[in-house]
Amino acid sequence: MPYAAGSGVDVTMRPIAEVMGRELGQPVVLDNRGSAGGIVGTQVLAAAAPDGYTIGYGNLVTLAINRAFYTKLPYDPEKDIEPVGLAVSNAYVLIARKDFPASNLEELIAYARKHPGKVVMGSPGVGSAGHLAGELIKSSTGTVMLHAPYKSGAQALGDMVNGQVDIMIDNISGVLQFVQSGRVKPLAVTSLQRASVLPNVPTIDESGIKGFNVVAWGGVVAPAGTPKAVIRKLNAALNSALRDPAVIRANALLSVDAMPSTPAEFSTLIHSEVPKWAESVKRAGVRAD
C-alpha cells in the first residue's frame, strides 16, 4: 500500500484485502509504504519478484498522474507494473477547517481573491490528485493560494483540525468521519454527481467551475512478468471480494463504488487516463523535474 495507514485508500482496501485472503487461503497483509505521492511503495512493488506473493495498490496517481507530473520516475508504469483488476472508485471532497470564513466554493474563491496567498491549501503530497485538483481550481478561478504538501492526507488533515491548514481536497472515504463529526466542513465534491453520503454538498461543477470532474480510481497490480495464470487467480479473488456483503457494506459507508473488471479492462482505463492527466498537469502549470 503506497499510502499511509489511515488514508482513504488504506481504509477502503483493508476489507477487500481481508476477503481476498480468505479466497486465496492465506492472509493478504497491507504493508504501508506511504511517501512521495505513492512513488516509494510503487517502486518497492516494481522491484519485487513476479511470483504473485507481492502485489500492490495502483491508482490514478501512481499509474497516470505521476507519468505526467514527474520527468523521471524510479519505476515505469508501462513496463514494470502488471494490472490485476480495478477495485474501486470514488469522489474527492474539498474541505475547510471548521472556523474558516467560507462555507462553499463561491465564498472560498471570493476570500482567496481578497486575500491572495493567504489561504493555505494542504495536500497528500506534490503531484497528488488533491494537489492537482487544487491547482486546477486556482488556475480556473485566477486565485493565488499557498500549497502545503504533506507526506499523507492524514497528516494534512490533522493540521487542518489544529487550524494550521485552511483547505484541502482528499478522498471522501478518508475524511468522512471528520466531516460528520464537525471537525472540518465540506465545501464541494469533485465529481459531476453529488456523493450519496454528502447529499447536501454541491459539486464543484454546480458551484461555478463547469465540467470539473476528478474521480479517484484504484485497483490491484503486480510486478511485470507475473505469470498470467497467477494474474487470473488474483483477479478472481479480487472480484469475489468486491461482491462480498461485508465489503459492500464498508463501501456504502465510505461512498465508494465497487468496480470489478478484467485485467485488460483495468489496463484500458489506465491508458485512457494518462493523456487526461497530462493535460491537467499542463493546464495547472505545475511539473516536477
C-alpha atoms as a PDB file:
ATOM      1  CA  MET A   1       0.000   0.000   0.000  1.00  0.00           C
ATOM      2  CA  PRO A   2       1.908   3.072  -1.218  1.00  0.00           C
ATOM      3  CA  TYR A   3      -0.056   5.341   1.143  1.00  0.00           C
ATOM      4  CA  ALA A   4      -0.107   5.835   4.896  1.00  0.00           C
ATOM      5  CA  ALA A   5      -2.178   3.785   7.297  1.00  0.00           C
ATOM      6  CA  GLY A   6      -5.482   5.538   7.894  1.00  0.00           C
ATOM      7  CA  SER A   7      -5.541   7.223   4.487  1.00  0.00           C
ATOM      8  CA  GLY A   8      -8.688   6.952   2.398  1.00  0.00           C
ATOM      9  CA  VAL A   9      -7.367   4.232   0.093  1.00  0.00           C
ATOM     10  CA  ASP A  10      -5.899   2.295   3.017  1.00  0.00           C
ATOM     11  CA  VAL A  11      -9.260   2.288   4.816  1.00  0.00           C
ATOM     12  CA  THR A  12     -11.036   1.266   1.618  1.00  0.00           C
ATOM     13  CA  MET A  13      -8.713  -1.601   0.695  1.00  0.00           C
ATOM     14  CA  ARG A  14      -8.420  -3.284   4.113  1.00  0.00           C
ATOM     15  CA  PRO A  15     -11.814  -5.081   3.975  1.00  0.00           C
ATOM     16  CA  ILE A  16     -11.104  -6.085   0.376  1.00  0.00           C
ATOM     17  CA  ALA A  17      -7.686  -7.481   1.320  1.00  0.00           C
ATOM     18  CA  GLU A  18      -9.225  -9.470   4.176  1.00  0.00           C
ATOM     19  CA  VAL A  19     -11.738 -11.185   1.893  1.00  0.00           C
ATOM     20  CA  MET A  20      -9.110 -11.753  -0.807  1.00  0.00           C
ATOM     21  CA  GLY A  21      -7.082 -13.559   1.844  1.00  0.00           C
ATOM     22  CA  ARG A  22      -9.953 -15.921   2.525  1.00  0.00           C
ATOM     23  CA  GLU A  23     -10.393 -16.557  -1.191  1.00  0.00           C
ATOM     24  CA  LEU A  24      -6.680 -17.273  -1.646  1.00  0.00           C
ATOM     25  CA  GLY A  25      -6.321 -19.360   1.515  1.00  0.00           C
ATOM     26  CA  GLN A  26      -3.679 -17.135   3.123  1.00  0.00           C
ATOM     27  CA  PRO A  27      -3.592 -13.629   4.605  1.00  0.00           C
ATOM     28  CA  VAL A  28      -3.239 -10.569   2.398  1.00  0.00           C
ATOM     29  CA  VAL A  29      -1.278  -8.146   4.573  1.00  0.00           C
ATOM     30  CA  LEU A  30      -1.155  -4.403   3.874  1.00  0.00           C
ATOM     31  CA  ASP A  31       2.414  -3.115   4.105  1.00  0.00           C
ATOM     32  CA  ASN A  32       2.135   0.682   4.214  1.00  0.00           C
ATOM     33  CA  ARG A  33       4.960   2.466   2.375  1.00  0.00           C
ATOM     34  CA  GLY A  34       3.390   5.911   2.123  1.00  0.00           C
ATOM     35  CA  SER A  35       5.623   8.691   0.789  1.00  0.00           C
ATOM     36  CA  ALA A  36       6.284  10.870  -2.262  1.00  0.00           C
ATOM     37  CA  GLY A  37       2.864  10.580  -3.872  1.00  0.00           C
ATOM     38  CA  GLY A  38       2.908   6.788  -3.845  1.00  0.00           C
ATOM     39  CA  ILE A  39       6.272   6.580  -5.590  1.00  0.00           C
ATOM     40  CA  VAL A  40       8.160   4.824  -2.783  1.00  0.00           C
ATOM     41  CA  GLY A  41       5.663   1.999  -2.344  1.00  0.00           C
ATOM     42  CA  THR A  42       5.173   1.531  -6.071  1.00  0.00           C
ATOM     43  CA  GLN A  43       8.938   1.330  -6.568  1.00  0.00           C
ATOM     44  CA  VAL A  44       9.059  -1.444  -3.960  1.00  0.00           C
ATOM     45  CA  LEU A  45       6.344  -3.310  -5.830  1.00  0.00           C
ATOM     46  CA  ALA A  46       8.036  -2.870  -9.212  1.00  0.00           C
ATOM     47  CA  ALA A  47      11.259  -4.368  -7.844  1.00  0.00           C
ATOM     48  CA  ALA A  48       9.562  -7.367  -6.200  1.00  0.00           C
ATOM     49  CA  ALA A  49       9.747 -10.905  -7.510  1.00  0.00           C
ATOM     50  CA  PRO A  50       6.940 -11.520 -10.043  1.00  0.00           C
ATOM     51  CA  ASP A  51       5.631 -14.614  -8.285  1.00  0.00           C
ATOM     52  CA  GLY A  52       2.234 -13.375  -7.082  1.00  0.00           C
ATOM     53  CA  TYR A  53       3.270 -13.092  -3.443  1.00  0.00           C
ATOM     54  CA  THR A  54       3.880  -9.355  -3.617  1.00  0.00           C
ATOM     55  CA  ILE A  55       1.004  -7.368  -5.048  1.00  0.00           C
ATOM     56  CA  GLY A  56       0.141  -3.706  -4.687  1.00  0.00           C
ATOM     57  CA  TYR A  57      -2.407  -0.953  -4.887  1.00  0.00           C
ATOM     58  CA  GLY A  58      -2.210   1.187  -8.014  1.00  0.00           C
ATOM     59  CA  ASN A  59      -4.349   4.224  -8.711  1.00  0.00           C
ATOM     60  CA  LEU A  60      -4.734   7.325 -10.831  1.00  0.00           C
ATOM     61  CA  VAL A  61      -1.764   8.924  -9.072  1.00  0.00           C
ATOM     62  CA  THR A  62       0.812   6.132  -9.230  1.00  0.00           C
ATOM     63  CA  LEU A  63      -0.230   4.864 -12.669  1.00  0.00           C
ATOM     64  CA  ALA A  64      -1.349   8.012 -14.514  1.00  0.00           C
ATOM     65  CA  ILE A  65      -0.677  11.356 -12.806  1.00  0.00           C
ATOM     66  CA  ASN A  66       2.924  10.584 -11.867  1.00  0.00           C
ATOM     67  CA  ARG A  67       3.724   9.806 -15.508  1.00  0.00           C
ATOM     68  CA  ALA A  68       2.689  13.337 -16.433  1.00  0.00           C
ATOM     69  CA  PHE A  69       3.936  15.165 -13.367  1.00  0.00           C
ATOM     70  CA  TYR A  70       7.460  13.749 -12.996  1.00  0.00           C
ATOM     71  CA  THR A  71      10.054  13.921 -15.747  1.00  0.00           C
ATOM     72  CA  LYS A  72      11.795  10.945 -14.147  1.00  0.00           C
ATOM     73  CA  LEU A  73      10.250   8.117 -12.128  1.00  0.00           C
ATOM     74  CA  PRO A  74      12.116   5.257 -10.408  1.00  0.00           C
ATOM     75  CA  TYR A  75       9.580   2.901 -11.971  1.00  0.00           C
ATOM     76  CA  ASP A  76       7.929   2.690 -15.377  1.00  0.00           C
ATOM     77  CA  PRO A  77       4.140   2.252 -15.018  1.00  0.00           C
ATOM     78  CA  GLU A  78       4.030   0.818 -18.520  1.00  0.00           C
ATOM     79  CA  LYS A  79       6.895  -1.683 -18.273  1.00  0.00           C
ATOM     80  CA  ASP A  80       7.209  -2.501 -14.571  1.00  0.00           C
ATOM     81  CA  ILE A  81       3.580  -2.902 -13.492  1.00  0.00           C
ATOM     82  CA  GLU A  82       1.021  -5.559 -14.452  1.00  0.00           C
ATOM     83  CA  PRO A  83      -2.684  -4.683 -13.926  1.00  0.00           C
ATOM     84  CA  VAL A  84      -4.652  -7.301 -11.985  1.00  0.00           C
ATOM     85  CA  GLY A  85      -8.018  -5.590 -11.710  1.00  0.00           C
ATOM     86  CA  LEU A  86      -9.786  -2.357 -10.939  1.00  0.00           C
ATOM     87  CA  ALA A  87     -11.290  -2.350  -7.451  1.00  0.00           C
ATOM     88  CA  VAL A  88     -12.973   0.923  -6.514  1.00  0.00           C
ATOM     89  CA  SER A  89     -13.724   4.481  -7.496  1.00  0.00           C
ATOM     90  CA  ASN A  90     -14.982   7.454  -5.521  1.00  0.00           C
ATOM     91  CA  ALA A  91     -15.061  11.216  -5.476  1.00  0.00           C
ATOM     92  CA  TYR A  92     -12.897  13.664  -3.611  1.00  0.00           C
ATOM     93  CA  VAL A  93     -14.236  16.442  -1.432  1.00  0.00           C
ATOM     94  CA  LEU A  94     -12.992  19.985  -0.899  1.00  0.00           C
ATOM     95  CA  ILE A  95     -12.993  20.632   2.857  1.00  0.00           C
ATOM     96  CA  ALA A  96     -12.047  23.546   5.088  1.00  0.00           C
ATOM     97  CA  ARG A  97     -11.150  23.950   8.750  1.00  0.00           C
ATOM     98  CA  LYS A  98     -14.316  24.368  10.789  1.00  0.00           C
ATOM     99  CA  ASP A  99     -13.750  28.074  11.530  1.00  0.00           C
ATOM    100  CA  PHE A 100     -12.631  29.059   8.028  1.00  0.00           C
ATOM    101  CA  PRO A 101     -14.576  32.135   6.802  1.00  0.00           C
ATOM    102  CA  ALA A 102     -16.136  30.367   3.800  1.00  0.00           C
ATOM    103  CA  SER A 103     -18.841  27.713   3.691  1.00  0.00           C
ATOM    104  CA  ASN A 104     -18.919  26.968  -0.037  1.00  0.00           C
ATOM    105  CA  LEU A 105     -16.702  27.207  -3.104  1.00  0.00           C
ATOM    106  CA  GLU A 106     -18.013  30.620  -4.167  1.00  0.00           C
ATOM    107  CA  GLU A 107     -17.170  32.104  -0.768  1.00  0.00           C
ATOM    108  CA  LEU A 108     -13.742  30.445  -0.813  1.00  0.00           C
ATOM    109  CA  ILE A 109     -12.926  31.974  -4.198  1.00  0.00           C
ATOM    110  CA  ALA A 110     -14.095  35.407  -3.051  1.00  0.00           C
ATOM    111  CA  TYR A 111     -11.996  35.157   0.110  1.00  0.00           C
ATOM    112  CA  ALA A 112      -8.922  33.956  -1.806  1.00  0.00           C
ATOM    113  CA  ARG A 113      -9.214  36.845  -4.262  1.00  0.00           C
ATOM    114  CA  LYS A 114      -9.478  39.307  -1.388  1.00  0.00           C
ATOM    115  CA  HIS A 115      -6.536  37.708   0.450  1.00  0.00           C
ATOM    116  CA  PRO A 116      -4.119  36.443  -2.266  1.00  0.00           C
ATOM    117  CA  GLY A 117      -1.523  33.998  -0.978  1.00  0.00           C
ATOM    118  CA  LYS A 118      -3.082  33.787   2.483  1.00  0.00           C
ATOM    119  CA  VAL A 119      -5.154  30.621   2.062  1.00  0.00           C
ATOM    120  CA  VAL A 120      -3.120  27.511   2.945  1.00  0.00           C
ATOM    121  CA  MET A 121      -4.053  24.520   0.785  1.00  0.00           C
ATOM    122  CA  GLY A 122      -2.860  21.222   2.225  1.00  0.00           C
ATOM    123  CA  SER A 123      -2.441  18.076   0.143  1.00  0.00           C
ATOM    124  CA  PRO A 124      -1.231  14.465   0.479  1.00  0.00           C
ATOM    125  CA  GLY A 125       1.884  15.458  -1.469  1.00  0.00           C
ATOM    126  CA  VAL A 126       3.238  17.225  -4.513  1.00  0.00           C
ATOM    127  CA  GLY A 127       1.654  15.751  -7.626  1.00  0.00           C
ATOM    128  CA  SER A 128      -1.151  14.039  -5.720  1.00  0.00           C
ATOM    129  CA  ALA A 129      -4.679  14.204  -7.101  1.00  0.00           C
ATOM    130  CA  GLY A 130      -5.593  16.524  -4.240  1.00  0.00           C
ATOM    131  CA  HIS A 131      -2.739  18.853  -5.154  1.00  0.00           C
ATOM    132  CA  LEU A 132      -3.510  18.924  -8.885  1.00  0.00           C
ATOM    133  CA  ALA A 133      -7.255  19.298  -8.320  1.00  0.00           C
ATOM    134  CA  GLY A 134      -6.495  22.295  -6.122  1.00  0.00           C
ATOM    135  CA  GLU A 135      -4.177  23.729  -8.765  1.00  0.00           C
ATOM    136  CA  LEU A 136      -6.952  23.359 -11.340  1.00  0.00           C
ATOM    137  CA  ILE A 137      -9.330  25.307  -9.081  1.00  0.00           C
ATOM    138  CA  LYS A 138      -6.691  28.027  -8.738  1.00  0.00           C
ATOM    139  CA  SER A 139      -5.977  28.222 -12.477  1.00  0.00           C
ATOM    140  CA  SER A 140      -9.698  28.157 -13.325  1.00  0.00           C
ATOM    141  CA  THR A 141     -10.527  30.989 -10.939  1.00  0.00           C
ATOM    142  CA  GLY A 142      -7.399  33.126 -11.102  1.00  0.00           C
ATOM    143  CA  THR A 143      -6.765  32.789  -7.380  1.00  0.00           C
ATOM    144  CA  VAL A 144      -3.470  32.522  -5.506  1.00  0.00           C
ATOM    145  CA  MET A 145      -3.310  30.055  -2.633  1.00  0.00           C
ATOM    146  CA  LEU A 146      -0.295  28.637  -0.813  1.00  0.00           C
ATOM    147  CA  HIS A 147       0.273  24.912  -1.365  1.00  0.00           C
ATOM    148  CA  ALA A 148       1.436  22.956   1.700  1.00  0.00           C
ATOM    149  CA  PRO A 149       2.368  19.368   0.717  1.00  0.00           C
ATOM    150  CA  TYR A 150       2.406  16.645   3.370  1.00  0.00           C
ATOM    151  CA  LYS A 151       3.601  13.058   3.396  1.00  0.00           C
ATOM    152  CA  SER A 152      -0.007  11.864   3.686  1.00  0.00           C
ATOM    153  CA  GLY A 153      -3.551  13.117   3.659  1.00  0.00           C
ATOM    154  CA  ALA A 154      -3.895  12.074   7.293  1.00  0.00           C
ATOM    155  CA  GLN A 155      -1.086  14.445   8.322  1.00  0.00           C
ATOM    156  CA  ALA A 156      -2.600  17.335   6.384  1.00  0.00           C
ATOM    157  CA  LEU A 157      -5.994  16.578   7.885  1.00  0.00           C
ATOM    158  CA  GLY A 158      -4.524  16.588  11.387  1.00  0.00           C
ATOM    159  CA  ASP A 159      -3.046  20.039  10.830  1.00  0.00           C
ATOM    160  CA  MET A 160      -6.369  21.235   9.440  1.00  0.00           C
ATOM    161  CA  VAL A 161      -8.131  20.126  12.615  1.00  0.00           C
ATOM    162  CA  ASN A 162      -5.452  22.020  14.563  1.00  0.00           C
ATOM    163  CA  GLY A 163      -6.007  25.147  12.476  1.00  0.00           C
ATOM    164  CA  GLN A 164      -2.753  25.175  10.504  1.00  0.00           C
ATOM    165  CA  VAL A 165      -4.305  24.250   7.132  1.00  0.00           C
ATOM    166  CA  ASP A 166      -7.256  26.139   5.645  1.00  0.00           C
ATOM    167  CA  ILE A 167      -8.469  23.842   2.855  1.00  0.00           C
ATOM    168  CA  MET A 168      -7.619  20.564   1.181  1.00  0.00           C
ATOM    169  CA  ILE A 169      -9.010  18.067  -1.312  1.00  0.00           C
ATOM    170  CA  ASP A 170      -8.942  14.399  -0.361  1.00  0.00           C
ATOM    171  CA  ASN A 171     -10.854  11.139  -0.736  1.00  0.00           C
ATOM    172  CA  ILE A 172     -14.305  11.245   0.827  1.00  0.00           C
ATOM    173  CA  SER A 173     -13.524   7.907   2.457  1.00  0.00           C
ATOM    174  CA  GLY A 174     -10.538   9.353   4.291  1.00  0.00           C
ATOM    175  CA  VAL A 175     -12.217  12.479   5.676  1.00  0.00           C
ATOM    176  CA  LEU A 176     -15.874  11.441   6.064  1.00  0.00           C
ATOM    177  CA  GLN A 177     -15.742  10.851   9.811  1.00  0.00           C
ATOM    178  CA  PHE A 178     -14.172  14.289  10.300  1.00  0.00           C
ATOM    179  CA  VAL A 179     -16.939  15.885   8.242  1.00  0.00           C
ATOM    180  CA  GLN A 180     -19.666  14.010  10.083  1.00  0.00           C
ATOM    181  CA  SER A 181     -18.228  14.962  13.481  1.00  0.00           C
ATOM    182  CA  GLY A 182     -17.990  18.630  12.500  1.00  0.00           C
ATOM    183  CA  ARG A 183     -14.218  18.835  12.889  1.00  0.00           C
ATOM    184  CA  VAL A 184     -13.976  20.067   9.281  1.00  0.00           C
ATOM    185  CA  LYS A 185     -16.606  21.396   6.895  1.00  0.00           C
ATOM    186  CA  PRO A 186     -17.263  20.304   3.305  1.00  0.00           C
ATOM    187  CA  LEU A 187     -17.407  22.950   0.582  1.00  0.00           C
ATOM    188  CA  ALA A 188     -17.866  20.888  -2.613  1.00  0.00           C
ATOM    189  CA  VAL A 189     -17.330  17.433  -4.104  1.00  0.00           C
ATOM    190  CA  THR A 190     -15.195  16.893  -7.190  1.00  0.00           C
ATOM    191  CA  SER A 191     -17.407  14.503  -9.191  1.00  0.00           C
ATOM    192  CA  LEU A 192     -20.140  15.603 -11.582  1.00  0.00           C
ATOM    193  CA  GLN A 193     -22.737  13.975  -9.343  1.00  0.00           C
ATOM    194  CA  ARG A 194     -23.253  14.643  -5.644  1.00  0.00           C
ATOM    195  CA  ALA A 195     -21.986  11.988  -3.238  1.00  0.00           C
ATOM    196  CA  SER A 196     -24.653   9.810  -1.634  1.00  0.00           C
ATOM    197  CA  VAL A 197     -23.077  10.223   1.825  1.00  0.00           C
ATOM    198  CA  LEU A 198     -22.920  14.024   1.414  1.00  0.00           C
ATOM    199  CA  PRO A 199     -26.183  14.761  -0.424  1.00  0.00           C
ATOM    200  CA  ASN A 200     -26.338  18.407   0.683  1.00  0.00           C
ATOM    201  CA  VAL A 201     -22.832  19.237  -0.545  1.00  0.00           C
ATOM    202  CA  PRO A 202     -22.821  20.677  -4.079  1.00  0.00           C
ATOM    203  CA  THR A 203     -20.371  19.644  -6.779  1.00  0.00           C
ATOM    204  CA  ILE A 204     -17.607  21.940  -7.992  1.00  0.00           C
ATOM    205  CA  ASP A 205     -19.359  21.882 -11.365  1.00  0.00           C
ATOM    206  CA  GLU A 206     -22.566  23.140  -9.735  1.00  0.00           C
ATOM    207  CA  SER A 207     -20.568  25.753  -7.857  1.00  0.00           C
ATOM    208  CA  GLY A 208     -19.341  27.514 -10.963  1.00  0.00           C
ATOM    209  CA  ILE A 209     -16.362  25.644 -12.464  1.00  0.00           C
ATOM    210  CA  LYS A 210     -18.213  23.904 -15.270  1.00  0.00           C
ATOM    211  CA  GLY A 211     -17.036  20.464 -16.334  1.00  0.00           C
ATOM    212  CA  PHE A 212     -14.826  19.976 -13.283  1.00  0.00           C
ATOM    213  CA  ASN A 213     -14.657  16.222 -12.691  1.00  0.00           C
ATOM    214  CA  VAL A 214     -11.978  14.464 -10.639  1.00  0.00           C
ATOM    215  CA  VAL A 215     -12.769  10.914  -9.543  1.00  0.00           C
ATOM    216  CA  ALA A 216     -10.401   8.567  -7.779  1.00  0.00           C
ATOM    217  CA  TRP A 217      -9.931   5.036  -9.041  1.00  0.00           C
ATOM    218  CA  GLY A 218      -7.636   2.278  -7.926  1.00  0.00           C
ATOM    219  CA  GLY A 219      -7.070  -1.433  -8.026  1.00  0.00           C
ATOM    220  CA  VAL A 220      -4.646  -4.274  -7.596  1.00  0.00           C
ATOM    221  CA  VAL A 221      -1.417  -4.501  -9.574  1.00  0.00           C
ATOM    222  CA  ALA A 222       1.536  -6.875  -9.655  1.00  0.00           C
ATOM    223  CA  PRO A 223       5.153  -6.718 -10.797  1.00  0.00           C
ATOM    224  CA  ALA A 224       5.617  -7.094 -14.554  1.00  0.00           C
ATOM    225  CA  GLY A 225       6.334 -10.670 -15.531  1.00  0.00           C
ATOM    226  CA  THR A 226       3.890 -12.200 -13.066  1.00  0.00           C
ATOM    227  CA  PRO A 227       2.500 -15.332 -14.786  1.00  0.00           C
ATOM    228  CA  LYS A 228      -0.863 -14.874 -16.485  1.00  0.00           C
ATOM    229  CA  ALA A 229      -2.342 -17.780 -14.521  1.00  0.00           C
ATOM    230  CA  VAL A 230      -1.416 -16.031 -11.284  1.00  0.00           C
ATOM    231  CA  ILE A 231      -2.898 -12.753 -12.534  1.00  0.00           C
ATOM    232  CA  ARG A 232      -6.149 -14.561 -13.342  1.00  0.00           C
ATOM    233  CA  LYS A 233      -6.274 -16.160  -9.888  1.00  0.00           C
ATOM    234  CA  LEU A 234      -5.651 -12.842  -8.150  1.00  0.00           C
ATOM    235  CA  ASN A 235      -8.259 -11.153 -10.348  1.00  0.00           C
ATOM    236  CA  ALA A 236     -10.851 -13.786  -9.444  1.00  0.00           C
ATOM    237  CA  ALA A 237     -10.124 -13.331  -5.732  1.00  0.00           C
ATOM    238  CA  LEU A 238     -10.414  -9.547  -6.068  1.00  0.00           C
ATOM    239  CA  ASN A 239     -13.706  -9.654  -7.946  1.00  0.00           C
ATOM    240  CA  SER A 240     -15.114 -12.143  -5.458  1.00  0.00           C
ATOM    241  CA  ALA A 241     -14.120  -9.812  -2.617  1.00  0.00           C
ATOM    242  CA  LEU A 242     -15.902  -6.884  -4.290  1.00  0.00           C
ATOM    243  CA  ARG A 243     -19.133  -8.926  -4.213  1.00  0.00           C
ATOM    244  CA  ASP A 244     -18.763  -9.860  -0.551  1.00  0.00           C
ATOM    245  CA  PRO A 245     -21.564  -8.447   1.684  1.00  0.00           C
ATOM    246  CA  ALA A 246     -19.085  -7.096   4.255  1.00  0.00           C
ATOM    247  CA  VAL A 247     -17.152  -5.233   1.548  1.00  0.00           C
ATOM    248  CA  ILE A 248     -20.376  -3.897   0.032  1.00  0.00           C
ATOM    249  CA  ARG A 249     -21.423  -2.539   3.440  1.00  0.00           C
ATOM    250  CA  ALA A 250     -17.992  -0.956   4.014  1.00  0.00           C
ATOM    251  CA  ASN A 251     -18.054   0.651   0.567  1.00  0.00           C
ATOM    252  CA  ALA A 252     -21.516   2.102   1.175  1.00  0.00           C
ATOM    253  CA  LEU A 253     -20.360   3.741   4.408  1.00  0.00           C
ATOM    254  CA  LEU A 254     -17.449   5.363   2.575  1.00  0.00           C
ATOM    255  CA  SER A 255     -19.349   6.326  -0.602  1.00  0.00           C
ATOM    256  CA  VAL A 256     -17.082   4.037  -2.619  1.00  0.00           C
ATOM    257  CA  ASP A 257     -18.222   2.249  -5.792  1.00  0.00           C
ATOM    258  CA  ALA A 258     -17.031  -1.296  -6.434  1.00  0.00           C
ATOM    259  CA  MET A 259     -15.560  -1.625  -9.922  1.00  0.00           C
ATOM    260  CA  PRO A 260     -14.909  -5.304 -10.764  1.00  0.00           C
ATOM    261  CA  SER A 261     -13.029  -5.742 -14.020  1.00  0.00           C
ATOM    262  CA  THR A 262     -10.751  -7.941 -16.030  1.00  0.00           C
ATOM    263  CA  PRO A 263      -7.010  -7.200 -16.174  1.00  0.00           C
ATOM    264  CA  ALA A 264      -7.475  -5.985 -19.763  1.00  0.00           C
ATOM    265  CA  GLU A 265     -10.265  -3.591 -18.770  1.00  0.00           C
ATOM    266  CA  PHE A 266      -8.131  -2.146 -15.987  1.00  0.00           C
ATOM    267  CA  SER A 267      -5.252  -1.703 -18.426  1.00  0.00           C
ATOM    268  CA  THR A 268      -7.555   0.140 -20.862  1.00  0.00           C
ATOM    269  CA  LEU A 269      -8.684   2.520 -18.104  1.00  0.00           C
ATOM    270  CA  ILE A 270      -5.096   3.301 -17.123  1.00  0.00           C
ATOM    271  CA  HIS A 271      -4.140   4.101 -20.717  1.00  0.00           C
ATOM    272  CA  SER A 272      -7.197   6.336 -21.168  1.00  0.00           C
ATOM    273  CA  GLU A 273      -6.371   8.363 -18.041  1.00  0.00           C
ATOM    274  CA  VAL A 274      -2.755   9.157 -18.947  1.00  0.00           C
ATOM    275  CA  PRO A 275      -3.485  11.843 -21.601  1.00  0.00           C
ATOM    276  CA  LYS A 276      -6.262  13.322 -19.454  1.00  0.00           C
ATOM    277  CA  TRP A 277      -3.905  13.944 -16.556  1.00  0.00           C
ATOM    278  CA  ALA A 278      -1.105  15.100 -18.829  1.00  0.00           C
ATOM    279  CA  GLU A 279      -3.478  17.836 -19.994  1.00  0.00           C
ATOM    280  CA  SER A 280      -4.452  18.617 -16.388  1.00  0.00           C
ATOM    281  CA  VAL A 281      -0.806  18.987 -15.363  1.00  0.00           C
ATOM    282  CA  LYS A 282      -0.234  21.273 -18.359  1.00  0.00           C
ATOM    283  CA  ARG A 283      -3.276  23.419 -17.507  1.00  0.00           C
ATOM    284  CA  ALA A 284      -2.278  23.648 -13.867  1.00  0.00           C
ATOM    285  CA  GLY A 285       1.210  24.775 -14.865  1.00  0.00           C
ATOM    286  CA  VAL A 286       2.976  22.500 -12.421  1.00  0.00           C
ATOM    287  CA  ARG A 287       5.558  19.808 -13.082  1.00  0.00           C
ATOM    288  CA  ALA A 288       8.345  18.175 -11.111  1.00  0.00           C
ATOM    289  CA  ASP A 289      11.852  17.823 -12.522  1.00  0.00           C
END
